[in-house]
Structures are given as C-alpha cells and as structure tokens.
C-alpha atoms as a PDB file:
ATOM      1  CA  MET A   1      21.225   2.614 -16.516  1.00  0.00           C
ATOM      2  CA  LYS A   2      23.436   3.056 -13.473  1.00  0.00           C
ATOM      3  CA  PHE A   3      22.880   0.327 -10.906  1.00  0.00           C
ATOM      4  CA  VAL A   4      24.102   0.719  -7.348  1.00  0.00           C
ATOM      5  CA  THR A   5      26.511  -2.223  -7.600  1.00  0.00           C
ATOM      6  CA  ASN A   6      28.053  -1.018 -10.870  1.00  0.00           C
ATOM      7  CA  TYR A   7      28.257   2.649  -9.998  1.00  0.00           C
ATOM      8  CA  TYR A   8      30.121   1.998  -6.743  1.00  0.00           C
ATOM      9  CA  ASN A   9      32.197  -0.850  -8.220  1.00  0.00           C
ATOM     10  CA  LEU A  10      30.932  -3.365  -5.678  1.00  0.00           C
ATOM     11  CA  ASN A  11      31.498  -6.367  -7.961  1.00  0.00           C
ATOM     12  CA  LYS A  12      28.257  -7.917  -6.707  1.00  0.00           C
ATOM     13  CA  LYS A  13      24.937  -9.043  -8.166  1.00  0.00           C
ATOM     14  CA  GLN A  14      21.433  -8.692  -6.730  1.00  0.00           C
ATOM     15  CA  GLU A  15      21.678 -12.064  -4.980  1.00  0.00           C
ATOM     16  CA  ASP A  16      24.851 -10.934  -3.191  1.00  0.00           C
ATOM     17  CA  ILE A  17      23.365  -7.884  -1.481  1.00  0.00           C
ATOM     18  CA  ASP A  18      20.536  -7.258   0.994  1.00  0.00           C
ATOM     19  CA  PHE A  19      19.101  -4.158  -0.673  1.00  0.00           C
ATOM     20  CA  VAL A  20      17.411  -3.555  -4.028  1.00  0.00           C
ATOM     21  CA  ASN A  21      19.982  -2.892  -6.755  1.00  0.00           C
ATOM     22  CA  VAL A  22      18.095   0.024  -8.278  1.00  0.00           C
ATOM     23  CA  ASN A  23      18.851   2.038 -11.385  1.00  0.00           C
ATOM     24  CA  MET A  24      19.754   5.435  -9.945  1.00  0.00           C
ATOM     25  CA  MET A  25      18.901   7.282 -13.155  1.00  0.00           C
ATOM     26  CA  GLY A  26      15.203   6.396 -13.079  1.00  0.00           C
ATOM     27  CA  ASP A  27      12.432   4.726 -11.102  1.00  0.00           C
ATOM     28  CA  SER A  28      11.545   1.047 -10.935  1.00  0.00           C
ATOM     29  CA  LYS A  29       7.932  -0.081 -10.654  1.00  0.00           C
ATOM     30  CA  LEU A  30       8.447  -1.334  -7.128  1.00  0.00           C
ATOM     31  CA  PHE A  31       6.711  -0.373  -3.899  1.00  0.00           C
ATOM     32  CA  VAL A  32       7.482  -0.737  -0.217  1.00  0.00           C
ATOM     33  CA  ASN A  33       4.824  -3.138   1.074  1.00  0.00           C
ATOM     34  CA  PRO A  34       3.793  -2.505   4.720  1.00  0.00           C
ATOM     35  CA  ILE A  35       2.715  -6.132   5.121  1.00  0.00           C
ATOM     36  CA  LEU A  36       6.212  -7.374   4.298  1.00  0.00           C
ATOM     37  CA  LEU A  37       8.126  -5.293   6.852  1.00  0.00           C
ATOM     38  CA  GLU A  38       8.446  -8.303   9.135  1.00  0.00           C
ATOM     39  CA  GLU A  39      10.167 -10.191   6.327  1.00  0.00           C
ATOM     40  CA  SER A  40      13.229  -7.935   6.452  1.00  0.00           C
ATOM     41  CA  ALA A  41      16.517  -9.364   7.665  1.00  0.00           C
ATOM     42  CA  ASN A  42      17.243  -5.947   9.196  1.00  0.00           C
ATOM     43  CA  GLU A  43      16.437  -5.929  12.917  1.00  0.00           C
ATOM     44  CA  LYS A  44      14.866  -2.439  12.969  1.00  0.00           C
ATOM     45  CA  PHE A  45      12.439  -3.144  10.121  1.00  0.00           C
ATOM     46  CA  PHE A  46      11.684  -6.640  11.432  1.00  0.00           C
ATOM     47  CA  SER A  47      11.021  -5.710  15.051  1.00  0.00           C
ATOM     48  CA  LEU A  48       9.638  -2.182  14.772  1.00  0.00           C
ATOM     49  CA  GLY A  49       8.597  -1.437  11.194  1.00  0.00           C
ATOM     50  CA  LYS A  50       5.122  -2.992  11.016  1.00  0.00           C
ATOM     51  CA  ARG A  51       4.270  -1.892  14.558  1.00  0.00           C
ATOM     52  CA  LYS A  52       5.391   1.670  13.855  1.00  0.00           C
ATOM     53  CA  VAL A  53       3.408   1.968  10.620  1.00  0.00           C
ATOM     54  CA  GLU A  54       0.257   0.521  12.188  1.00  0.00           C
ATOM     55  CA  SER A  55       0.605   2.832  15.208  1.00  0.00           C
ATOM     56  CA  PHE A  56       0.784   5.820  12.854  1.00  0.00           C
ATOM     57  CA  PHE A  57      -2.531   4.926  11.227  1.00  0.00           C
ATOM     58  CA  LYS A  58      -4.096   4.302  14.634  1.00  0.00           C
ATOM     59  CA  VAL A  59      -2.994   7.744  15.850  1.00  0.00           C
ATOM     60  CA  VAL A  60      -4.469   9.345  12.726  1.00  0.00           C
ATOM     61  CA  PHE A  61      -7.786   7.535  13.158  1.00  0.00           C
ATOM     62  CA  ASP A  62      -7.967   8.281  16.894  1.00  0.00           C
ATOM     63  CA  LEU A  63      -7.325  11.968  16.224  1.00  0.00           C
ATOM     64  CA  TYR A  64     -10.069  11.988  13.622  1.00  0.00           C
ATOM     65  CA  ALA A  65     -12.472  10.196  15.956  1.00  0.00           C
ATOM     66  CA  THR A  66     -11.936  12.833  18.663  1.00  0.00           C
ATOM     67  CA  GLU A  67     -12.850  15.633  16.238  1.00  0.00           C
ATOM     68  CA  ASN A  68      -9.250  16.646  15.524  1.00  0.00           C
ATOM     69  CA  LYS A  69      -9.981  16.030  11.864  1.00  0.00           C
ATOM     70  CA  GLU A  70      -7.695  18.614  10.322  1.00  0.00           C
ATOM     71  CA  GLN A  71      -4.732  17.526  12.428  1.00  0.00           C
ATOM     72  CA  ALA A  72      -5.397  13.890  11.502  1.00  0.00           C
ATOM     73  CA  LEU A  73      -5.425  14.671   7.787  1.00  0.00           C
ATOM     74  CA  GLN A  74      -2.328  16.865   8.079  1.00  0.00           C
ATOM     75  CA  ASN A  75      -0.485  13.926   9.636  1.00  0.00           C
ATOM     76  CA  MET A  76      -1.465  11.762   6.687  1.00  0.00           C
ATOM     77  CA  PHE A  77      -0.764  14.158   3.854  1.00  0.00           C
ATOM     78  CA  ASP A  78       1.036  17.388   4.764  1.00  0.00           C
ATOM     79  CA  HIS A  79       4.025  15.956   6.614  1.00  0.00           C
ATOM     80  CA  SER A  80       4.725  12.868   4.531  1.00  0.00           C
ATOM     81  CA  LYS A  81       6.279  13.737   1.198  1.00  0.00           C
ATOM     82  CA  GLU A  82       6.776  11.929  -2.099  1.00  0.00           C
ATOM     83  CA  SER A  83      10.086  10.081  -1.970  1.00  0.00           C
ATOM     84  CA  ASN A  84      12.372   9.810  -4.995  1.00  0.00           C
ATOM     85  CA  ALA A  85      15.547   8.863  -3.119  1.00  0.00           C
ATOM     86  CA  ASN A  86      14.819   5.124  -3.238  1.00  0.00           C
ATOM     87  CA  HIS A  87      14.020   5.249  -6.997  1.00  0.00           C
ATOM     88  CA  PHE A  88      10.702   3.428  -6.641  1.00  0.00           C
ATOM     89  CA  GLY A  89       7.304   4.168  -8.147  1.00  0.00           C
ATOM     90  CA  PHE A  90       6.484   5.780 -11.464  1.00  0.00           C
ATOM     91  CA  SER A  91       8.945   7.966 -13.341  1.00  0.00           C
ATOM     92  CA  GLU A  92       6.140  10.001 -14.856  1.00  0.00           C
ATOM     93  CA  LYS A  93       3.952  10.453 -11.809  1.00  0.00           C
ATOM     94  CA  GLU A  94       0.358  11.477 -12.157  1.00  0.00           C
ATOM     95  CA  SER A  95      -0.948  14.443 -10.200  1.00  0.00           C
ATOM     96  CA  ARG A  96      -0.514  13.727  -6.523  1.00  0.00           C
ATOM     97  CA  GLY A  97      -2.648  16.533  -5.174  1.00  0.00           C
ATOM     98  CA  ASN A  98      -3.898  15.901  -1.660  1.00  0.00           C
ATOM     99  CA  GLY A  99      -7.359  17.419  -1.986  1.00  0.00           C
ATOM    100  CA  ALA A 100      -9.165  14.417  -3.433  1.00  0.00           C
ATOM    101  CA  SER A 101      -7.314  11.991  -1.187  1.00  0.00           C
ATOM    102  CA  LYS A 102      -8.126  13.988   1.945  1.00  0.00           C
ATOM    103  CA  HIS A 103     -11.783  14.107   0.973  1.00  0.00           C
ATOM    104  CA  SER A 104     -11.860  10.379   0.270  1.00  0.00           C
ATOM    105  CA  LEU A 105     -10.156   9.451   3.542  1.00  0.00           C
ATOM    106  CA  SER A 106     -12.463  11.779   5.435  1.00  0.00           C
ATOM    107  CA  ASN A 107     -15.487  10.076   3.877  1.00  0.00           C
ATOM    108  CA  LEU A 108     -14.113   6.661   4.802  1.00  0.00           C
ATOM    109  CA  PHE A 109     -13.454   7.594   8.425  1.00  0.00           C
ATOM    110  CA  ASP A 110     -16.836   9.338   8.715  1.00  0.00           C
ATOM    111  CA  THR A 111     -18.552   6.202   7.428  1.00  0.00           C
ATOM    112  CA  VAL A 112     -16.694   3.982   9.903  1.00  0.00           C
ATOM    113  CA  LEU A 113     -17.548   6.282  12.812  1.00  0.00           C
ATOM    114  CA  ASP A 114     -21.146   7.087  11.838  1.00  0.00           C
ATOM    115  CA  THR A 115     -22.305   3.554  11.098  1.00  0.00           C
ATOM    116  CA  GLY A 116     -20.457   1.778  13.885  1.00  0.00           C
ATOM    117  CA  SER A 117     -20.799  -1.445  11.908  1.00  0.00           C
ATOM    118  CA  LEU A 118     -17.160  -1.771  10.815  1.00  0.00           C
ATOM    119  CA  ARG A 119     -14.333  -2.708  13.144  1.00  0.00           C
ATOM    120  CA  ARG A 120     -12.235   0.373  13.870  1.00  0.00           C
ATOM    121  CA  ASP A 121      -9.058  -1.604  14.549  1.00  0.00           C
ATOM    122  CA  ILE A 122      -9.248  -3.122  11.070  1.00  0.00           C
ATOM    123  CA  MET A 123     -10.458  -0.088   9.124  1.00  0.00           C
ATOM    124  CA  ALA A 124      -7.619   2.075  10.478  1.00  0.00           C
ATOM    125  CA  GLN A 125      -4.984  -0.276   9.043  1.00  0.00           C
ATOM    126  CA  PRO A 126      -2.852   0.587   5.976  1.00  0.00           C
ATOM    127  CA  VAL A 127      -4.353  -2.325   4.009  1.00  0.00           C
ATOM    128  CA  SER A 128      -7.865  -0.962   4.543  1.00  0.00           C
ATOM    129  CA  ILE A 129      -6.900   2.599   3.603  1.00  0.00           C
ATOM    130  CA  LEU A 130      -5.572   1.357   0.282  1.00  0.00           C
ATOM    131  CA  VAL A 131      -8.607  -0.845  -0.389  1.00  0.00           C
ATOM    132  CA  PHE A 132     -11.300   1.743   0.401  1.00  0.00           C
ATOM    133  CA  ALA A 133      -9.842   5.264   0.057  1.00  0.00           C
ATOM    134  CA  HIS A 134     -10.094   6.699  -3.455  1.00  0.00           C
ATOM    135  CA  ASP A 135      -6.909   8.158  -4.966  1.00  0.00           C
ATOM    136  CA  PHE A 136      -4.794   6.206  -2.491  1.00  0.00           C
ATOM    137  CA  GLY A 137      -2.846   3.603  -4.461  1.00  0.00           C
ATOM    138  CA  PRO A 138       0.412   1.646  -4.041  1.00  0.00           C
ATOM    139  CA  ASP A 139       2.615   4.606  -5.031  1.00  0.00           C
ATOM    140  CA  ARG A 140       1.173   6.863  -2.341  1.00  0.00           C
ATOM    141  CA  MET A 141       1.141   4.085   0.272  1.00  0.00           C
ATOM    142  CA  SER A 142       4.766   3.245  -0.495  1.00  0.00           C
ATOM    143  CA  ASP A 143       5.831   6.893  -0.174  1.00  0.00           C
ATOM    144  CA  LEU A 144       3.929   7.235   3.102  1.00  0.00           C
ATOM    145  CA  THR A 145       5.532   4.085   4.513  1.00  0.00           C
ATOM    146  CA  VAL A 146       8.992   5.389   3.584  1.00  0.00           C
ATOM    147  CA  SER A 147       8.207   8.731   5.242  1.00  0.00           C
ATOM    148  CA  ILE A 148       7.022   7.071   8.458  1.00  0.00           C
ATOM    149  CA  LEU A 149      10.156   4.894   8.568  1.00  0.00           C
ATOM    150  CA  LYS A 150      12.545   7.524   7.172  1.00  0.00           C
ATOM    151  CA  LYS A 151      14.877   7.264  10.159  1.00  0.00           C
ATOM    152  CA  GLU A 152      15.105   3.478   9.825  1.00  0.00           C
ATOM    153  CA  PHE A 153      15.708   3.718   6.065  1.00  0.00           C
ATOM    154  CA  VAL A 154      18.511   6.250   6.490  1.00  0.00           C
ATOM    155  CA  GLU A 155      20.158   4.237   9.282  1.00  0.00           C
ATOM    156  CA  TYR A 156      19.946   1.136   7.114  1.00  0.00           C
ATOM    157  CA  THR A 157      21.421   2.978   4.114  1.00  0.00           C
ATOM    158  CA  LEU A 158      24.409   4.301   6.049  1.00  0.00           C
ATOM    159  CA  ALA A 159      25.050   0.919   7.659  1.00  0.00           C
ATOM    160  CA  GLU A 160      25.048  -0.844   4.270  1.00  0.00           C
ATOM    161  CA  ALA A 161      27.281   1.867   2.808  1.00  0.00           C
ATOM    162  CA  LYS A 162      29.777   1.442   5.627  1.00  0.00           C
ATOM    163  CA  LYS A 163      29.747  -2.337   5.228  1.00  0.00           C
ATOM    164  CA  LEU A 164      30.358  -2.166   1.462  1.00  0.00           C
ATOM    165  CA  ASN A 165      32.699   0.862   1.453  1.00  0.00           C
ATOM    166  CA  ILE A 166      30.264   3.058  -0.445  1.00  0.00           C
ATOM    167  CA  PRO A 167      31.385   6.696   0.036  1.00  0.00           C
ATOM    168  CA  ILE A 168      29.403   8.612   2.660  1.00  0.00           C
ATOM    169  CA  GLU A 169      29.352  12.398   2.344  1.00  0.00           C
ATOM    170  CA  PRO A 170      30.883  14.142   5.392  1.00  0.00           C
ATOM    171  CA  ASN A 171      28.232  16.832   5.765  1.00  0.00           C
ATOM    172  CA  LYS A 172      24.747  16.319   7.155  1.00  0.00           C
ATOM    173  CA  VAL A 173      21.616  17.171   5.160  1.00  0.00           C
ATOM    174  CA  SER A 174      17.892  17.230   5.812  1.00  0.00           C
ATOM    175  CA  TYR A 175      15.914  14.167   4.751  1.00  0.00           C
ATOM    176  CA  GLY A 176      12.611  15.770   5.614  1.00  0.00           C
ATOM    177  CA  GLU A 177      10.388  14.411   8.357  1.00  0.00           C
ATOM    178  CA  TYR A 178       9.989  10.975   9.905  1.00  0.00           C
ATOM    179  CA  TRP A 179       7.389   9.629  12.313  1.00  0.00           C
ATOM    180  CA  ASP A 180       8.621   9.515  15.903  1.00  0.00           C
ATOM    181  CA  TYR A 181       7.055   6.434  17.451  1.00  0.00           C
ATOM    182  CA  GLU A 182       7.492   7.489  21.086  1.00  0.00           C
ATOM    183  CA  THR A 183       6.083  11.023  20.840  1.00  0.00           C
ATOM    184  CA  ALA A 184       3.570  10.200  18.083  1.00  0.00           C
ATOM    185  CA  SER A 185       4.679  13.201  16.047  1.00  0.00           C
ATOM    186  CA  TRP A 186       6.653  14.144  12.944  1.00  0.00           C
ATOM    187  CA  LYS A 187      10.260  15.232  13.450  1.00  0.00           C
ATOM    188  CA  GLU A 188      12.959  16.560  11.159  1.00  0.00           C
ATOM    189  CA  LEU A 189      15.767  14.137  10.265  1.00  0.00           C
ATOM    190  CA  THR A 190      19.270  15.475   9.595  1.00  0.00           C
ATOM    191  CA  GLU A 191      21.999  12.978   8.828  1.00  0.00           C
ATOM    192  CA  ARG A 192      24.962  12.179   6.572  1.00  0.00           C
ATOM    193  CA  TRP A 193      24.162  10.978   3.084  1.00  0.00           C
ATOM    194  CA  ILE A 194      25.184   8.964   0.053  1.00  0.00           C
ATOM    195  CA  LYS A 195      25.433  10.778  -3.270  1.00  0.00           C
ATOM    196  CA  GLY A 196      23.738   8.765  -6.009  1.00  0.00           C
ATOM    197  CA  ALA A 197      24.560   8.752  -9.712  1.00  0.00           C
ATOM    198  CA  ASP A 198      22.096  11.621 -10.206  1.00  0.00           C
ATOM    199  CA  GLY A 199      23.942  13.722  -7.615  1.00  0.00           C
ATOM    200  CA  LYS A 200      21.043  13.480  -5.159  1.00  0.00           C
ATOM    201  CA  LYS A 201      20.517  11.590  -1.908  1.00  0.00           C
ATOM    202  CA  LEU A 202      20.223   7.813  -2.249  1.00  0.00           C
ATOM    203  CA  ILE A 203      18.149   5.677   0.100  1.00  0.00           C
ATOM    204  CA  LEU A 204      18.677   1.910  -0.016  1.00  0.00           C
ATOM    205  CA  THR A 205      15.735  -0.431   0.538  1.00  0.00           C
ATOM    206  CA  PRO A 206      15.843  -3.976   1.960  1.00  0.00           C
ATOM    207  CA  LYS A 207      14.797  -6.280  -0.866  1.00  0.00           C
ATOM    208  CA  GLN A 208      12.558  -8.379   1.393  1.00  0.00           C
ATOM    209  CA  ILE A 209      10.008  -5.577   1.882  1.00  0.00           C
ATOM    210  CA  VAL A 210       9.198  -4.597  -1.714  1.00  0.00           C
ATOM    211  CA  SER A 211       6.518  -5.716  -4.163  1.00  0.00           C
ATOM    212  CA  HIS A 212       5.828  -5.150  -7.848  1.00  0.00           C
ATOM    213  CA  LYS A 213       2.119  -5.227  -7.047  1.00  0.00           C
ATOM    214  CA  TYR A 214       0.464  -5.341  -3.666  1.00  0.00           C
ATOM    215  CA  GLY A 215      -1.358  -8.578  -2.899  1.00  0.00           C
ATOM    216  CA  PHE A 216      -4.354  -6.556  -1.758  1.00  0.00           C
ATOM    217  CA  SER A 217      -6.529  -4.053  -3.609  1.00  0.00           C
ATOM    218  CA  VAL A 218     -10.142  -3.106  -4.069  1.00  0.00           C
ATOM    219  CA  ASP A 219     -10.250  -5.171  -7.281  1.00  0.00           C
ATOM    220  CA  ASP A 220      -8.858  -8.193  -5.462  1.00  0.00           C
ATOM    221  CA  TYR A 221     -11.329  -7.774  -2.596  1.00  0.00           C
ATOM    222  CA  ILE A 222     -14.332  -7.428  -4.890  1.00  0.00           C
ATOM    223  CA  ARG A 223     -13.340 -10.349  -7.098  1.00  0.00           C
ATOM    224  CA  LYS A 224     -12.368 -12.803  -4.363  1.00  0.00           C
ATOM    225  CA  VAL A 225     -14.911 -11.934  -1.686  1.00  0.00           C
ATOM    226  CA  VAL A 226     -17.666  -9.470  -2.576  1.00  0.00           C
ATOM    227  CA  TRP A 227     -18.774 -11.067  -5.838  1.00  0.00           C
ATOM    228  CA  VAL A 228     -18.661 -14.572  -4.386  1.00  0.00           C
ATOM    229  CA  TRP A 229     -21.162 -13.381  -1.797  1.00  0.00           C
ATOM    230  CA  ARG A 230     -23.248 -11.406  -4.296  1.00  0.00           C
ATOM    231  CA  LYS A 231     -23.606 -14.359  -6.661  1.00  0.00           C
ATOM    232  CA  ASP A 232     -24.826 -16.531  -3.809  1.00  0.00           C
ATOM    233  CA  TYR A 233     -27.113 -13.740  -2.587  1.00  0.00           C
ATOM    234  CA  HIS A 234     -28.842 -13.337  -5.941  1.00  0.00           C
ATOM    235  CA  VAL A 235     -29.398 -17.082  -6.330  1.00  0.00           C
ATOM    236  CA  LYS A 236     -30.754 -17.563  -2.804  1.00  0.00           C
ATOM    237  CA  ASN A 237     -33.090 -14.596  -3.106  1.00  0.00           C
ATOM    238  CA  LYS A 238     -34.065 -15.330  -6.734  1.00  0.00           C
ATOM    239  CA  THR A 239     -33.424 -11.718  -7.701  1.00  0.00           C
ATOM    240  CA  SER A 240     -33.794 -10.313 -11.196  1.00  0.00           C
ATOM    241  CA  LEU A 241     -30.073 -10.799 -11.759  1.00  0.00           C
ATOM    242  CA  ALA A 242     -30.283 -14.551 -11.191  1.00  0.00           C
ATOM    243  CA  GLN A 243     -31.221 -16.396 -14.390  1.00  0.00           C
ATOM    244  CA  PRO A 244     -34.137 -18.881 -14.065  1.00  0.00           C
ATOM    245  CA  LYS A 245     -33.478 -22.144 -15.938  1.00  0.00           C
ATOM    246  CA  TYR A 246     -34.845 -25.667 -16.096  1.00  0.00           C
ATOM    247  CA  ASP A 247     -32.819 -28.807 -15.761  1.00  0.00           C
ATOM    248  CA  GLU A 248     -33.316 -31.950 -17.836  1.00  0.00           C
ATOM    249  CA  TYR A 249     -36.124 -33.068 -15.525  1.00  0.00           C
ATOM    250  CA  GLY A 250     -38.027 -29.837 -15.827  1.00  0.00           C
ATOM    251  CA  GLU A 251     -37.045 -28.590 -12.386  1.00  0.00           C
ATOM    252  CA  LEU A 252     -36.579 -24.838 -12.017  1.00  0.00           C
ATOM    253  CA  PHE A 253     -33.235 -23.578 -10.763  1.00  0.00           C
ATOM    254  CA  TYR A 254     -31.364 -20.278 -10.817  1.00  0.00           C
ATOM    255  CA  ASP A 255     -27.990 -19.475 -12.318  1.00  0.00           C
ATOM    256  CA  ALA A 256     -25.788 -16.943 -10.566  1.00  0.00           C
ATOM    257  CA  PRO A 257     -25.233 -13.660 -12.425  1.00  0.00           C
ATOM    258  CA  THR A 258     -22.028 -13.408 -14.400  1.00  0.00           C
ATOM    259  CA  VAL A 259     -19.189 -11.107 -13.412  1.00  0.00           C
ATOM    260  CA  GLU A 260     -20.060  -8.857 -16.331  1.00  0.00           C
ATOM    261  CA  THR A 261     -23.678  -8.642 -15.129  1.00  0.00           C
ATOM    262  CA  LEU A 262     -22.549  -7.686 -11.620  1.00  0.00           C
ATOM    263  CA  ARG A 263     -20.092  -5.161 -13.033  1.00  0.00           C
ATOM    264  CA  THR A 264     -22.845  -3.506 -15.080  1.00  0.00           C
ATOM    265  CA  GLU A 265     -25.844  -3.757 -12.758  1.00  0.00           C
ATOM    266  CA  GLU A 266     -24.188  -3.256  -9.379  1.00  0.00           C
ATOM    267  CA  VAL A 267     -21.363  -0.872 -10.203  1.00  0.00           C
ATOM    268  CA  ARG A 268     -21.483   0.897 -13.551  1.00  0.00           C
ATOM    269  CA  LYS A 269     -25.169   1.847 -13.517  1.00  0.00           C
ATOM    270  CA  PRO A 270     -25.733   2.693  -9.820  1.00  0.00           C
ATOM    271  CA  TYR A 271     -22.450   4.609  -9.497  1.00  0.00           C
ATOM    272  CA  ALA A 272     -22.401   6.211 -12.947  1.00  0.00           C
ATOM    273  CA  GLY A 273     -20.556   9.532 -12.950  1.00  0.00           C
ATOM    274  CA  ARG A 274     -19.231   9.075  -9.409  1.00  0.00           C
ATOM    275  CA  GLU A 275     -15.495   9.280  -8.821  1.00  0.00           C
ATOM    276  CA  GLY A 276     -13.946   6.199  -7.247  1.00  0.00           C
ATOM    277  CA  LYS A 277     -16.993   4.063  -8.009  1.00  0.00           C
ATOM    278  CA  TRP A 278     -15.262   0.730  -7.289  1.00  0.00           C
ATOM    279  CA  LYS A 279     -14.174   1.744  -3.808  1.00  0.00           C
ATOM    280  CA  LEU A 280     -17.587   3.258  -3.087  1.00  0.00           C
ATOM    281  CA  TYR A 281     -19.221   0.009  -4.162  1.00  0.00           C
ATOM    282  CA  ALA A 282     -16.811  -2.076  -2.057  1.00  0.00           C
ATOM    283  CA  LEU A 283     -17.540   0.042   1.016  1.00  0.00           C
ATOM    284  CA  ASP A 284     -21.318  -0.093   0.508  1.00  0.00           C
ATOM    285  CA  MET A 285     -21.220  -3.890   0.156  1.00  0.00           C
ATOM    286  CA  THR A 286     -19.051  -4.145   3.272  1.00  0.00           C
ATOM    287  CA  LEU A 287     -21.566  -2.111   5.249  1.00  0.00           C
ATOM    288  CA  LYS A 288     -24.223  -4.644   4.230  1.00  0.00           C
ATOM    289  CA  ASN A 289     -22.032  -7.576   5.266  1.00  0.00           C
ATOM    290  CA  PRO A 290     -19.096  -6.465   7.479  1.00  0.00           C
ATOM    291  CA  GLU A 291     -17.836 -10.016   7.884  1.00  0.00           C
ATOM    292  CA  LEU A 292     -16.767  -9.927   4.233  1.00  0.00           C
ATOM    293  CA  TYR A 293     -13.902  -7.551   4.881  1.00  0.00           C
ATOM    294  CA  THR A 294     -12.976  -9.061   8.236  1.00  0.00           C
ATOM    295  CA  GLN A 295     -12.429 -12.327   6.371  1.00  0.00           C
ATOM    296  CA  TYR A 296     -10.468 -10.684   3.548  1.00  0.00           C
ATOM    297  CA  PHE A 297      -8.299  -8.635   5.922  1.00  0.00           C
ATOM    298  CA  GLY A 298      -7.412 -11.672   7.999  1.00  0.00           C
ATOM    299  CA  ASN A 299      -6.463 -13.736   4.965  1.00  0.00           C
ATOM    300  CA  THR A 300      -4.477 -10.897   3.387  1.00  0.00           C
ATOM    301  CA  THR A 301      -2.355 -10.075   6.418  1.00  0.00           C
ATOM    302  CA  ALA A 302      -1.725 -13.725   7.304  1.00  0.00           C
ATOM    303  CA  ASN A 303      -1.034 -15.066   3.813  1.00  0.00           C
ATOM    304  CA  LYS A 304       2.382 -14.372   2.279  1.00  0.00           C
ATOM    305  CA  THR A 305       1.823 -16.411  -0.880  1.00  0.00           C
ATOM    306  CA  ASN A 306       1.531 -15.112  -4.431  1.00  0.00           C
ATOM    307  CA  LYS A 307       1.809 -11.307  -4.652  1.00  0.00           C
ATOM    308  CA  ASN A 308       2.067 -10.764  -0.911  1.00  0.00           C
ATOM    309  CA  ARG A 309       5.546 -12.226  -0.629  1.00  0.00           C
ATOM    310  CA  PRO A 310       9.068 -10.900  -1.117  1.00  0.00           C
ATOM    311  CA  LEU A 311      10.259 -10.935  -4.716  1.00  0.00           C
ATOM    312  CA  ASN A 312      13.160 -13.215  -5.517  1.00  0.00           C
ATOM    313  CA  ASP A 313      16.428 -11.861  -6.919  1.00  0.00           C
ATOM    314  CA  LYS A 314      15.603 -12.714 -10.542  1.00  0.00           C
ATOM    315  CA  GLU A 315      12.198 -11.048 -10.329  1.00  0.00           C
ATOM    316  CA  LEU A 316      13.754  -7.907  -8.858  1.00  0.00           C
ATOM    317  CA  THR A 317      16.442  -7.773 -11.537  1.00  0.00           C
ATOM    318  CA  ASP A 318      13.938  -8.259 -14.364  1.00  0.00           C
ATOM    319  CA  ILE A 319      11.623  -5.510 -13.062  1.00  0.00           C
ATOM    320  CA  ILE A 320      14.464  -3.021 -12.595  1.00  0.00           C
ATOM    321  CA  LYS A 321      15.873  -3.664 -16.075  1.00  0.00           C
ATOM    322  CA  LYS A 322      12.442  -2.984 -17.596  1.00  0.00           C
ATOM    323  CA  GLY A 323      12.424   0.414 -15.892  1.00  0.00           C
END
C-alpha cells in the first residue's frame, strides 16, 4: 500500500490532514456522499457543492419533463465518467453499462410525470434517484457527484498540494468534463495535476464528505417506512396476511405479518422474474401512499446521525487499510 502521506513524505497521519489518506495503488470502499457536502471545511464544497449537485438533477428532470428525454439522459450518463483518480469505489467493478440505468431512470421519471402524485422537487433529488432507480447504487452516485464537482475537486487538490509541498506537474492535462453551474452544461476541464504512485492523476477528497455506506437506500426506506405502514395496513384491514388470534379472554385480534411474510407475499411473488424488484416495489408502495417517501426524504436529508455522518479518522483509516 502507498498512502498519500507516506508516498509524499508528509510525516502526517489521517487526523493531521483534511483529505482522505487513500492507498494510491488500489480503491477503498468509500463513496462521496452528496448529503454530506455541506459538512466540508472547504468553502467551495460547503457553500456551492450541495446546491450545484441538486441543480444538476433538477436540470436533468426539467429537460426530461419538456420532452428533451435523450438530452436529459445524456447529461446523466454520457458526459459523467467513472472516476478512478480519487481511489474510491470497488477495485473490481461490475459492468457499468448505461443501458439498464437509462431505462430505469426513464421509467422513474415517466412514473413521476404520468401519475402526478409524487412531488417533483423531491423525486428529482440525488437521494431519490438512488432509492428508486435500478442499477444506480452508491458507486455510480459517487462517480457522478465527482464528475459534477470535478472543477471543485481539482481546485481543492491543487490547493492542498501547494499547502503541503506535494509536487505539482508543470503541464496541464484534461480531467474530462465538469458541470458548469452558470450555463447548466458540461465543459472540459484542463488543469495542472499531481502524479500519484500509480503514475496517473490523483484527486484528493475532503474527508468530511465521504461515507462507507450511504445512510439512505431502498432497503432502508422499505424497512424503516414502507413495512411499518404495511404491517399497520394489514392489521387495520384484517387482510389475509394478518394473523387472527385470540387473547386470554377469548377476544379476537390480529397480528401484523412478519417481515418474512411481507418479503415473500408482497415482493418475491408479485415481482418474480422482474429486474430491480425491490425498487419497483418501493415505487409502487409510494404511489399508494406518497407521504411515506416525503417523510423518509425529510428525515434522511435532515438527520446526520448514524451512517449519514462524516466518518471519523479511525474509521477512515480502518476502511482504507482493509482495501
């Protein structure tokens, strides 16, 4: 392993630096978390990052809603590229083809627009895309966030390098495209660079904006919100999934279905053979009770406890050492 601090002889530990002390010869199972951008000590990420990312998703959704569907999907998938320069994600990445993801996102947006029952301002947010769009997980969301904020990441990297006397290469190279907030378009970024231990460009990441796991997911949403409602629904309506029982006085009452019963009867059987069954189920349940997701979204974006909080220095170090 070649950590940033060791490779450049900085004589510092993770707690002494603002960025993640990554192993430059591999990837760490870390992801840039769009919810945590406001936690960064860096002024650009703190003041502009979250707003810029959210504006990108709004532009994409608005384009889609005005029948510029292909342009909307190109913005999401064709311009933003997988990033390896920050050494995050999975070393052995699964297929990241865009076809399935484009189809899934298109279905999600079509559902939002056709039904009119889900709040557009919420459903066009990065949290909602990850919860409902099949084949759109933390790795892809992290890469997309880095692409949108590529200019800010590169500026941050060069500033940290200058501060710590990390060598900066004299020539300028292309970093690919970044999202220009003012023109609402992708633009090419050419700038000086830092040569990592692998001989390639290195991008440093503020440690306050990364997670090992996102604090939001379709599994989390279903478990914490959807199934709480479904259990209550089955009991109140005395459905076949609610178990009739008698108390010690002979009074009839109904037990809520177990999680395993809900998993089998509401997901596995009805959605058998369908790709992305959990996200399809979550979306269908949300259409039946839109307030479910409004509640979950509000709690997720406002609550920085548990997984939706910056990792501490020990947690970061442990994760990076595991590789």
